[in-house]
Amino acid sequence: MIDKVFSLIGQLPPLSNEKNPNIAAALAFFFGFIGMIIYGMSFIDIIIGISIAILAGLSLGPVDPILGYLAGMLVAAIYSYFRVLTSNRKLTGK
């Protein structure tokens, strides 16, 4: 499943301009998908990221709700980081 998520990220069009992946990850971790909106990610990024984070949170939520919440926030941060990283590579042509 992870490889499908990364291939999906690679197929998405680049963002409007280069962004810092560390800032994107920090905002997504601390503020969730509101942080992604603040940092200017596209609507499709938010929908895909929310879906992945909900699945991660639901898979660990029955064990411990806090663990499910943290898993969702961690997935949001990882998704944002790699999304911005691949977008920057497409924009710079590397």
PDB file of N, CA and C in Angstrom:
ATOM      1  N   MET A   1       0.824  -1.193   0.000  1.00  0.00           N
ATOM      2  CA  MET A   1       0.000   0.000   0.000  1.00  0.00           C
ATOM      3  C   MET A   1       0.866   1.254   0.000  1.00  0.00           C
ATOM      4  N   ILE A   2       1.985   1.210   0.708  1.00  0.00           N
ATOM      5  CA  ILE A   2       2.860   2.381   0.779  1.00  0.00           C
ATOM      6  C   ILE A   2       3.379   2.743  -0.613  1.00  0.00           C
ATOM      7  N   ASP A   3       3.760   1.740  -1.391  1.00  0.00           N
ATOM      8  CA  ASP A   3       4.278   2.023  -2.723  1.00  0.00           C
ATOM      9  C   ASP A   3       3.205   2.632  -3.619  1.00  0.00           C
ATOM     10  N   LYS A   4       1.951   2.273  -3.407  1.00  0.00           N
ATOM     11  CA  LYS A   4       0.862   2.881  -4.187  1.00  0.00           C
ATOM     12  C   LYS A   4       0.665   4.346  -3.808  1.00  0.00           C
ATOM     13  N   VAL A   5       0.831   4.644  -2.529  1.00  0.00           N
ATOM     14  CA  VAL A   5       0.706   6.043  -2.086  1.00  0.00           C
ATOM     15  C   VAL A   5       1.820   6.880  -2.702  1.00  0.00           C
ATOM     16  N   PHE A   6       3.057   6.355  -2.703  1.00  0.00           N
ATOM     17  CA  PHE A   6       4.163   7.111  -3.283  1.00  0.00           C
ATOM     18  C   PHE A   6       4.006   7.259  -4.793  1.00  0.00           C
ATOM     19  N   SER A   7       3.476   6.250  -5.457  1.00  0.00           N
ATOM     20  CA  SER A   7       3.251   6.396  -6.902  1.00  0.00           C
ATOM     21  C   SER A   7       2.142   7.405  -7.167  1.00  0.00           C
ATOM     22  N   LEU A   8       1.141   7.463  -6.290  1.00  0.00           N
ATOM     23  CA  LEU A   8       0.084   8.468  -6.431  1.00  0.00           C
ATOM     24  C   LEU A   8       0.643   9.866  -6.239  1.00  0.00           C
ATOM     25  N   ILE A   9       1.511  10.027  -5.252  1.00  0.00           N
ATOM     26  CA  ILE A   9       2.132  11.332  -5.019  1.00  0.00           C
ATOM     27  C   ILE A   9       2.941  11.757  -6.241  1.00  0.00           C
ATOM     28  N   GLY A  10       3.632  10.807  -6.866  1.00  0.00           N
ATOM     29  CA  GLY A  10       4.428  11.118  -8.047  1.00  0.00           C
ATOM     30  C   GLY A  10       3.595  11.500  -9.255  1.00  0.00           C
ATOM     31  N   GLN A  11       2.343  11.068  -9.319  1.00  0.00           N
ATOM     32  CA  GLN A  11       1.481  11.375 -10.456  1.00  0.00           C
ATOM     33  C   GLN A  11       0.781  12.714 -10.332  1.00  0.00           C
ATOM     34  N   LEU A  12       0.730  13.267  -9.137  1.00  0.00           N
ATOM     35  CA  LEU A  12       0.036  14.544  -8.943  1.00  0.00           C
ATOM     36  C   LEU A  12       0.803  15.680  -9.610  1.00  0.00           C
ATOM     37  N   PRO A  13       0.091  16.683 -10.115  1.00  0.00           N
ATOM     38  CA  PRO A  13       0.791  17.825 -10.715  1.00  0.00           C
ATOM     39  C   PRO A  13       1.535  18.616  -9.645  1.00  0.00           C
ATOM     40  N   PRO A  14       2.590  19.336 -10.043  1.00  0.00           N
ATOM     41  CA  PRO A  14       3.337  20.100  -9.041  1.00  0.00           C
ATOM     42  C   PRO A  14       2.505  21.242  -8.464  1.00  0.00           C
ATOM     43  N   LEU A  15       2.910  21.670  -7.289  1.00  0.00           N
ATOM     44  CA  LEU A  15       2.257  22.825  -6.664  1.00  0.00           C
ATOM     45  C   LEU A  15       2.629  24.086  -7.438  1.00  0.00           C
ATOM     46  N   SER A  16       2.028  25.197  -7.100  1.00  0.00           N
ATOM     47  CA  SER A  16       2.228  26.431  -7.872  1.00  0.00           C
ATOM     48  C   SER A  16       3.658  26.961  -7.797  1.00  0.00           C
ATOM     49  N   ASN A  17       4.323  26.785  -6.671  1.00  0.00           N
ATOM     50  CA  ASN A  17       5.714  27.225  -6.537  1.00  0.00           C
ATOM     51  C   ASN A  17       6.443  26.330  -5.543  1.00  0.00           C
ATOM     52  N   GLU A  18       7.769  26.489  -5.459  1.00  0.00           N
ATOM     53  CA  GLU A  18       8.559  25.664  -4.550  1.00  0.00           C
ATOM     54  C   GLU A  18       8.227  26.002  -3.102  1.00  0.00           C
ATOM     55  N   LYS A  19       8.205  24.983  -2.292  1.00  0.00           N
ATOM     56  CA  LYS A  19       7.927  25.143  -0.869  1.00  0.00           C
ATOM     57  C   LYS A  19       8.959  24.353  -0.081  1.00  0.00           C
ATOM     58  N   ASN A  20       9.067  24.648   1.196  1.00  0.00           N
ATOM     59  CA  ASN A  20      10.000  23.953   2.079  1.00  0.00           C
ATOM     60  C   ASN A  20       9.311  22.713   2.649  1.00  0.00           C
ATOM     61  N   PRO A  21       9.837  21.501   2.375  1.00  0.00           N
ATOM     62  CA  PRO A  21       9.181  20.295   2.874  1.00  0.00           C
ATOM     63  C   PRO A  21       9.180  20.182   4.397  1.00  0.00           C
ATOM     64  N   ASN A  22      10.184  20.741   5.060  1.00  0.00           N
ATOM     65  CA  ASN A  22      10.227  20.677   6.523  1.00  0.00           C
ATOM     66  C   ASN A  22       9.116  21.514   7.152  1.00  0.00           C
ATOM     67  N   ILE A  23       8.871  22.683   6.583  1.00  0.00           N
ATOM     68  CA  ILE A  23       7.787  23.527   7.089  1.00  0.00           C
ATOM     69  C   ILE A  23       6.441  22.859   6.820  1.00  0.00           C
ATOM     70  N   ALA A  24       6.298  22.268   5.642  1.00  0.00           N
ATOM     71  CA  ALA A  24       5.043  21.583   5.303  1.00  0.00           C
ATOM     72  C   ALA A  24       4.778  20.444   6.283  1.00  0.00           C
ATOM     73  N   ALA A  25       5.810  19.666   6.604  1.00  0.00           N
ATOM     74  CA  ALA A  25       5.642  18.554   7.535  1.00  0.00           C
ATOM     75  C   ALA A  25       5.314  19.046   8.948  1.00  0.00           C
ATOM     76  N   ALA A  26       5.993  20.091   9.392  1.00  0.00           N
ATOM     77  CA  ALA A  26       5.739  20.618  10.737  1.00  0.00           C
ATOM     78  C   ALA A  26       4.322  21.175  10.854  1.00  0.00           C
ATOM     79  N   LEU A  27       3.894  21.930   9.860  1.00  0.00           N
ATOM     80  CA  LEU A  27       2.538  22.478   9.896  1.00  0.00           C
ATOM     81  C   LEU A  27       1.492  21.377   9.857  1.00  0.00           C
ATOM     82  N   ALA A  28       1.731  20.352   9.050  1.00  0.00           N
ATOM     83  CA  ALA A  28       0.769  19.249   8.968  1.00  0.00           C
ATOM     84  C   ALA A  28       0.742  18.449  10.262  1.00  0.00           C
ATOM     85  N   PHE A  29       1.888  18.294  10.911  1.00  0.00           N
ATOM     86  CA  PHE A  29       1.912  17.538  12.170  1.00  0.00           C
ATOM     87  C   PHE A  29       1.210  18.295  13.282  1.00  0.00           C
ATOM     88  N   PHE A  30       1.531  19.584  13.437  1.00  0.00           N
ATOM     89  CA  PHE A  30       0.989  20.336  14.568  1.00  0.00           C
ATOM     90  C   PHE A  30      -0.437  20.835  14.352  1.00  0.00           C
ATOM     91  N   PHE A  31      -0.792  21.125  13.098  1.00  0.00           N
ATOM     92  CA  PHE A  31      -2.116  21.679  12.832  1.00  0.00           C
ATOM     93  C   PHE A  31      -2.977  20.777  11.963  1.00  0.00           C
ATOM     94  N   GLY A  32      -2.478  19.594  11.636  1.00  0.00           N
ATOM     95  CA  GLY A  32      -3.256  18.688  10.805  1.00  0.00           C
ATOM     96  C   GLY A  32      -3.398  19.241   9.394  1.00  0.00           C
ATOM     97  N   PHE A  33      -4.535  18.987   8.823  1.00  0.00           N
ATOM     98  CA  PHE A  33      -4.727  19.401   7.441  1.00  0.00           C
ATOM     99  C   PHE A  33      -5.056  20.882   7.314  1.00  0.00           C
ATOM    100  N   ILE A  34      -5.344  21.517   8.427  1.00  0.00           N
ATOM    101  CA  ILE A  34      -5.444  22.973   8.421  1.00  0.00           C
ATOM    102  C   ILE A  34      -4.067  23.558   8.087  1.00  0.00           C
ATOM    103  N   GLY A  35      -3.009  22.937   8.591  1.00  0.00           N
ATOM    104  CA  GLY A  35      -1.646  23.365   8.274  1.00  0.00           C
ATOM    105  C   GLY A  35      -1.335  23.228   6.798  1.00  0.00           C
ATOM    106  N   MET A  36      -1.871  22.165   6.173  1.00  0.00           N
ATOM    107  CA  MET A  36      -1.669  22.007   4.737  1.00  0.00           C
ATOM    108  C   MET A  36      -2.377  23.115   3.963  1.00  0.00           C
ATOM    109  N   ILE A  37      -3.556  23.489   4.424  1.00  0.00           N
ATOM    110  CA  ILE A  37      -4.293  24.575   3.778  1.00  0.00           C
ATOM    111  C   ILE A  37      -3.536  25.890   3.951  1.00  0.00           C
ATOM    112  N   ILE A  38      -3.028  26.115   5.154  1.00  0.00           N
ATOM    113  CA  ILE A  38      -2.279  27.352   5.425  1.00  0.00           C
ATOM    114  C   ILE A  38      -1.055  27.447   4.529  1.00  0.00           C
ATOM    115  N   TYR A  39      -0.388  26.321   4.312  1.00  0.00           N
ATOM    116  CA  TYR A  39       0.840  26.337   3.521  1.00  0.00           C
ATOM    117  C   TYR A  39       0.580  26.341   2.024  1.00  0.00           C
ATOM    118  N   GLY A  40      -0.655  26.270   1.611  1.00  0.00           N
ATOM    119  CA  GLY A  40      -0.989  26.441   0.202  1.00  0.00           C
ATOM    120  C   GLY A  40      -0.977  25.180  -0.624  1.00  0.00           C
ATOM    121  N   MET A  41      -1.263  24.042  -0.015  1.00  0.00           N
ATOM    122  CA  MET A  41      -1.338  22.800  -0.778  1.00  0.00           C
ATOM    123  C   MET A  41      -2.674  22.787  -1.519  1.00  0.00           C
ATOM    124  N   SER A  42      -2.764  21.964  -2.530  1.00  0.00           N
ATOM    125  CA  SER A  42      -3.977  21.942  -3.344  1.00  0.00           C
ATOM    126  C   SER A  42      -5.092  21.151  -2.659  1.00  0.00           C
ATOM    127  N   PHE A  43      -6.295  21.317  -3.175  1.00  0.00           N
ATOM    128  CA  PHE A  43      -7.463  20.651  -2.609  1.00  0.00           C
ATOM    129  C   PHE A  43      -7.322  19.133  -2.696  1.00  0.00           C
ATOM    130  N   ILE A  44      -6.818  18.641  -3.808  1.00  0.00           N
ATOM    131  CA  ILE A  44      -6.664  17.191  -3.969  1.00  0.00           C
ATOM    132  C   ILE A  44      -5.647  16.633  -2.973  1.00  0.00           C
ATOM    133  N   ASP A  45      -4.613  17.411  -2.659  1.00  0.00           N
ATOM    134  CA  ASP A  45      -3.644  16.984  -1.644  1.00  0.00           C
ATOM    135  C   ASP A  45      -4.322  16.815  -0.289  1.00  0.00           C
ATOM    136  N   ILE A  46      -5.189  17.726   0.031  1.00  0.00           N
ATOM    137  CA  ILE A  46      -5.867  17.685   1.320  1.00  0.00           C
ATOM    138  C   ILE A  46      -6.805  16.481   1.382  1.00  0.00           C
ATOM    139  N   ILE A  47      -7.534  16.219   0.299  1.00  0.00           N
ATOM    140  CA  ILE A  47      -8.449  15.078   0.276  1.00  0.00           C
ATOM    141  C   ILE A  47      -7.674  13.756   0.393  1.00  0.00           C
ATOM    142  N   ILE A  48      -6.606  13.612  -0.385  1.00  0.00           N
ATOM    143  CA  ILE A  48      -5.814  12.382  -0.334  1.00  0.00           C
ATOM    144  C   ILE A  48      -5.166  12.231   1.042  1.00  0.00           C
ATOM    145  N   GLY A  49      -4.600  13.291   1.553  1.00  0.00           N
ATOM    146  CA  GLY A  49      -3.946  13.233   2.866  1.00  0.00           C
ATOM    147  C   GLY A  49      -4.909  12.905   3.995  1.00  0.00           C
ATOM    148  N   ILE A  50      -6.091  13.503   3.960  1.00  0.00           N
ATOM    149  CA  ILE A  50      -7.092  13.213   4.987  1.00  0.00           C
ATOM    150  C   ILE A  50      -7.500  11.748   4.921  1.00  0.00           C
ATOM    151  N   SER A  51      -7.692  11.243   3.713  1.00  0.00           N
ATOM    152  CA  SER A  51      -8.098   9.835   3.564  1.00  0.00           C
ATOM    153  C   SER A  51      -7.052   8.889   4.132  1.00  0.00           C
ATOM    154  N   ILE A  52      -5.799   9.135   3.818  1.00  0.00           N
ATOM    155  CA  ILE A  52      -4.723   8.274   4.312  1.00  0.00           C
ATOM    156  C   ILE A  52      -4.597   8.381   5.831  1.00  0.00           C
ATOM    157  N   ALA A  53      -4.698   9.595   6.361  1.00  0.00           N
ATOM    158  CA  ALA A  53      -4.566   9.785   7.806  1.00  0.00           C
ATOM    159  C   ALA A  53      -5.736   9.159   8.560  1.00  0.00           C
ATOM    160  N   ILE A  54      -6.935   9.238   7.999  1.00  0.00           N
ATOM    161  CA  ILE A  54      -8.088   8.617   8.652  1.00  0.00           C
ATOM    162  C   ILE A  54      -7.913   7.106   8.693  1.00  0.00           C
ATOM    163  N   LEU A  55      -7.438   6.534   7.590  1.00  0.00           N
ATOM    164  CA  LEU A  55      -7.197   5.089   7.589  1.00  0.00           C
ATOM    165  C   LEU A  55      -6.155   4.693   8.627  1.00  0.00           C
ATOM    166  N   ALA A  56      -5.098   5.472   8.743  1.00  0.00           N
ATOM    167  CA  ALA A  56      -4.065   5.182   9.747  1.00  0.00           C
ATOM    168  C   ALA A  56      -4.626   5.341  11.161  1.00  0.00           C
ATOM    169  N   GLY A  57      -5.399   6.392  11.364  1.00  0.00           N
ATOM    170  CA  GLY A  57      -5.981   6.619  12.685  1.00  0.00           C
ATOM    171  C   GLY A  57      -6.986   5.555  13.070  1.00  0.00           C
ATOM    172  N   LEU A  58      -7.794   5.108  12.107  1.00  0.00           N
ATOM    173  CA  LEU A  58      -8.781   4.073  12.400  1.00  0.00           C
ATOM    174  C   LEU A  58      -8.139   2.717  12.658  1.00  0.00           C
ATOM    175  N   SER A  59      -7.012   2.474  12.007  1.00  0.00           N
ATOM    176  CA  SER A  59      -6.365   1.185  12.220  1.00  0.00           C
ATOM    177  C   SER A  59      -5.766   1.079  13.622  1.00  0.00           C
ATOM    178  N   LEU A  60      -5.345   2.195  14.192  1.00  0.00           N
ATOM    179  CA  LEU A  60      -4.778   2.170  15.541  1.00  0.00           C
ATOM    180  C   LEU A  60      -5.729   2.719  16.595  1.00  0.00           C
ATOM    181  N   GLY A  61      -6.813   3.352  16.174  1.00  0.00           N
ATOM    182  CA  GLY A  61      -7.769   3.945  17.106  1.00  0.00           C
ATOM    183  C   GLY A  61      -8.393   2.968  18.082  1.00  0.00           C
ATOM    184  N   PRO A  62      -8.804   1.759  17.625  1.00  0.00           N
ATOM    185  CA  PRO A  62      -9.391   0.814  18.590  1.00  0.00           C
ATOM    186  C   PRO A  62      -8.415   0.369  19.685  1.00  0.00           C
ATOM    187  N   VAL A  63      -7.119   0.389  19.384  1.00  0.00           N
ATOM    188  CA  VAL A  63      -6.126   0.014  20.397  1.00  0.00           C
ATOM    189  C   VAL A  63      -6.034   1.110  21.450  1.00  0.00           C
ATOM    190  N   ASP A  64      -5.842   2.325  21.002  1.00  0.00           N
ATOM    191  CA  ASP A  64      -5.738   3.473  21.896  1.00  0.00           C
ATOM    192  C   ASP A  64      -6.083   4.723  21.080  1.00  0.00           C
ATOM    193  N   PRO A  65      -7.091   5.482  21.464  1.00  0.00           N
ATOM    194  CA  PRO A  65      -7.477   6.656  20.673  1.00  0.00           C
ATOM    195  C   PRO A  65      -6.352   7.672  20.500  1.00  0.00           C
ATOM    196  N   ILE A  66      -5.528   7.853  21.510  1.00  0.00           N
ATOM    197  CA  ILE A  66      -4.435   8.816  21.395  1.00  0.00           C
ATOM    198  C   ILE A  66      -3.400   8.320  20.385  1.00  0.00           C
ATOM    199  N   LEU A  67      -3.167   7.023  20.400  1.00  0.00           N
ATOM    200  CA  LEU A  67      -2.242   6.440  19.439  1.00  0.00           C
ATOM    201  C   LEU A  67      -2.781   6.604  18.013  1.00  0.00           C
ATOM    202  N   GLY A  68      -4.081   6.451  17.846  1.00  0.00           N
ATOM    203  CA  GLY A  68      -4.701   6.668  16.542  1.00  0.00           C
ATOM    204  C   GLY A  68      -4.576   8.110  16.080  1.00  0.00           C
ATOM    205  N   TYR A  69      -4.763   9.048  17.013  1.00  0.00           N
ATOM    206  CA  TYR A  69      -4.613  10.468  16.687  1.00  0.00           C
ATOM    207  C   TYR A  69      -3.181  10.788  16.279  1.00  0.00           C
ATOM    208  N   LEU A  70      -2.223  10.281  17.045  1.00  0.00           N
ATOM    209  CA  LEU A  70      -0.817  10.528  16.716  1.00  0.00           C
ATOM    210  C   LEU A  70      -0.428   9.893  15.383  1.00  0.00           C
ATOM    211  N   ALA A  71      -0.970   8.717  15.097  1.00  0.00           N
ATOM    212  CA  ALA A  71      -0.690   8.071  13.814  1.00  0.00           C
ATOM    213  C   ALA A  71      -1.230   8.923  12.668  1.00  0.00           C
ATOM    214  N   GLY A  72      -2.419   9.470  12.831  1.00  0.00           N
ATOM    215  CA  GLY A  72      -2.988  10.333  11.801  1.00  0.00           C
ATOM    216  C   GLY A  72      -2.157  11.585  11.579  1.00  0.00           C
ATOM    217  N   MET A  73      -1.674  12.187  12.644  1.00  0.00           N
ATOM    218  CA  MET A  73      -0.863  13.396  12.514  1.00  0.00           C
ATOM    219  C   MET A  73       0.500  13.083  11.901  1.00  0.00           C
ATOM    220  N   LEU A  74       1.068  11.950  12.265  1.00  0.00           N
ATOM    221  CA  LEU A  74       2.353  11.552  11.696  1.00  0.00           C
ATOM    222  C   LEU A  74       2.218  11.263  10.204  1.00  0.00           C
ATOM    223  N   VAL A  75       1.146  10.606   9.831  1.00  0.00           N
ATOM    224  CA  VAL A  75       0.909  10.329   8.408  1.00  0.00           C
ATOM    225  C   VAL A  75       0.704  11.632   7.638  1.00  0.00           C
ATOM    226  N   ALA A  76      -0.001  12.585   8.239  1.00  0.00           N
ATOM    227  CA  ALA A  76      -0.188  13.884   7.589  1.00  0.00           C
ATOM    228  C   ALA A  76       1.151  14.573   7.354  1.00  0.00           C
ATOM    229  N   ALA A  77       2.026  14.503   8.342  1.00  0.00           N
ATOM    230  CA  ALA A  77       3.340  15.133   8.208  1.00  0.00           C
ATOM    231  C   ALA A  77       4.181  14.447   7.142  1.00  0.00           C
ATOM    232  N   ILE A  78       4.171  13.122   7.134  1.00  0.00           N
ATOM    233  CA  ILE A  78       4.959  12.380   6.143  1.00  0.00           C
ATOM    234  C   ILE A  78       4.429  12.628   4.742  1.00  0.00           C
ATOM    235  N   TYR A  79       3.103  12.605   4.593  1.00  0.00           N
ATOM    236  CA  TYR A  79       2.504  12.871   3.281  1.00  0.00           C
ATOM    237  C   TYR A  79       2.897  14.268   2.796  1.00  0.00           C
ATOM    238  N   SER A  80       2.772  15.265   3.651  1.00  0.00           N
ATOM    239  CA  SER A  80       3.100  16.642   3.256  1.00  0.00           C
ATOM    240  C   SER A  80       4.564  16.771   2.861  1.00  0.00           C
ATOM    241  N   TYR A  81       5.440  16.148   3.625  1.00  0.00           N
ATOM    242  CA  TYR A  81       6.866  16.226   3.337  1.00  0.00           C
ATOM    243  C   TYR A  81       7.169  15.672   1.945  1.00  0.00           C
ATOM    244  N   PHE A  82       6.709  14.456   1.691  1.00  0.00           N
ATOM    245  CA  PHE A  82       7.021  13.837   0.403  1.00  0.00           C
ATOM    246  C   PHE A  82       6.275  14.478  -0.751  1.00  0.00           C
ATOM    247  N   ARG A  83       5.098  15.007  -0.495  1.00  0.00           N
ATOM    248  CA  ARG A  83       4.365  15.698  -1.562  1.00  0.00           C
ATOM    249  C   ARG A  83       5.105  16.959  -1.995  1.00  0.00           C
ATOM    250  N   VAL A  84       5.568  17.739  -1.041  1.00  0.00           N
ATOM    251  CA  VAL A  84       6.310  18.957  -1.375  1.00  0.00           C
ATOM    252  C   VAL A  84       7.648  18.608  -2.010  1.00  0.00           C
ATOM    253  N   LEU A  85       8.295  17.563  -1.522  1.00  0.00           N
ATOM    254  CA  LEU A  85       9.582  17.145  -2.087  1.00  0.00           C
ATOM    255  C   LEU A  85       9.438  16.748  -3.559  1.00  0.00           C
ATOM    256  N   THR A  86       8.436  15.932  -3.887  1.00  0.00           N
ATOM    257  CA  THR A  86       8.246  15.532  -5.281  1.00  0.00           C
ATOM    258  C   THR A  86       7.789  16.698  -6.147  1.00  0.00           C
ATOM    259  N   SER A  87       6.989  17.593  -5.574  1.00  0.00           N
ATOM    260  CA  SER A  87       6.565  18.771  -6.333  1.00  0.00           C
ATOM    261  C   SER A  87       7.756  19.669  -6.656  1.00  0.00           C
ATOM    262  N   ASN A  88       8.644  19.871  -5.682  1.00  0.00           N
ATOM    263  CA  ASN A  88       9.831  20.692  -5.925  1.00  0.00           C
ATOM    264  C   ASN A  88      10.725  20.064  -6.997  1.00  0.00           C
ATOM    265  N   ARG A  89      10.847  18.748  -6.992  1.00  0.00           N
ATOM    266  CA  ARG A  89      11.656  18.076  -8.021  1.00  0.00           C
ATOM    267  C   ARG A  89      11.061  18.278  -9.411  1.00  0.00           C
ATOM    268  N   LYS A  90       9.748  18.233  -9.505  1.00  0.00           N
ATOM    269  CA  LYS A  90       9.107  18.460 -10.803  1.00  0.00           C
ATOM    270  C   LYS A  90       9.282  19.903 -11.254  1.00  0.00           C
ATOM    271  N   LEU A  91       9.207  20.837 -10.321  1.00  0.00           N
ATOM    272  CA  LEU A  91       9.338  22.252 -10.693  1.00  0.00           C
ATOM    273  C   LEU A  91      10.763  22.601 -11.113  1.00  0.00           C
ATOM    274  N   THR A  92      11.747  22.007 -10.457  1.00  0.00           N
ATOM    275  CA  THR A  92      13.137  22.321 -10.799  1.00  0.00           C
ATOM    276  C   THR A  92      13.698  21.423 -11.883  1.00  0.00           C
ATOM    277  N   GLY A  93      13.002  20.332 -12.188  1.00  0.00           N
ATOM    278  CA  GLY A  93      13.450  19.430 -13.238  1.00  0.00           C
ATOM    279  C   GLY A  93      14.547  18.478 -12.816  1.00  0.00           C
ATOM    280  N   LYS A  94      14.700  18.261 -11.519  1.00  0.00           N
ATOM    281  CA  LYS A  94      15.751  17.355 -11.026  1.00  0.00           C
ATOM    282  C   LYS A  94      15.259  15.938 -10.998  1.00  0.00           C
TER     283      LYS A  94
END
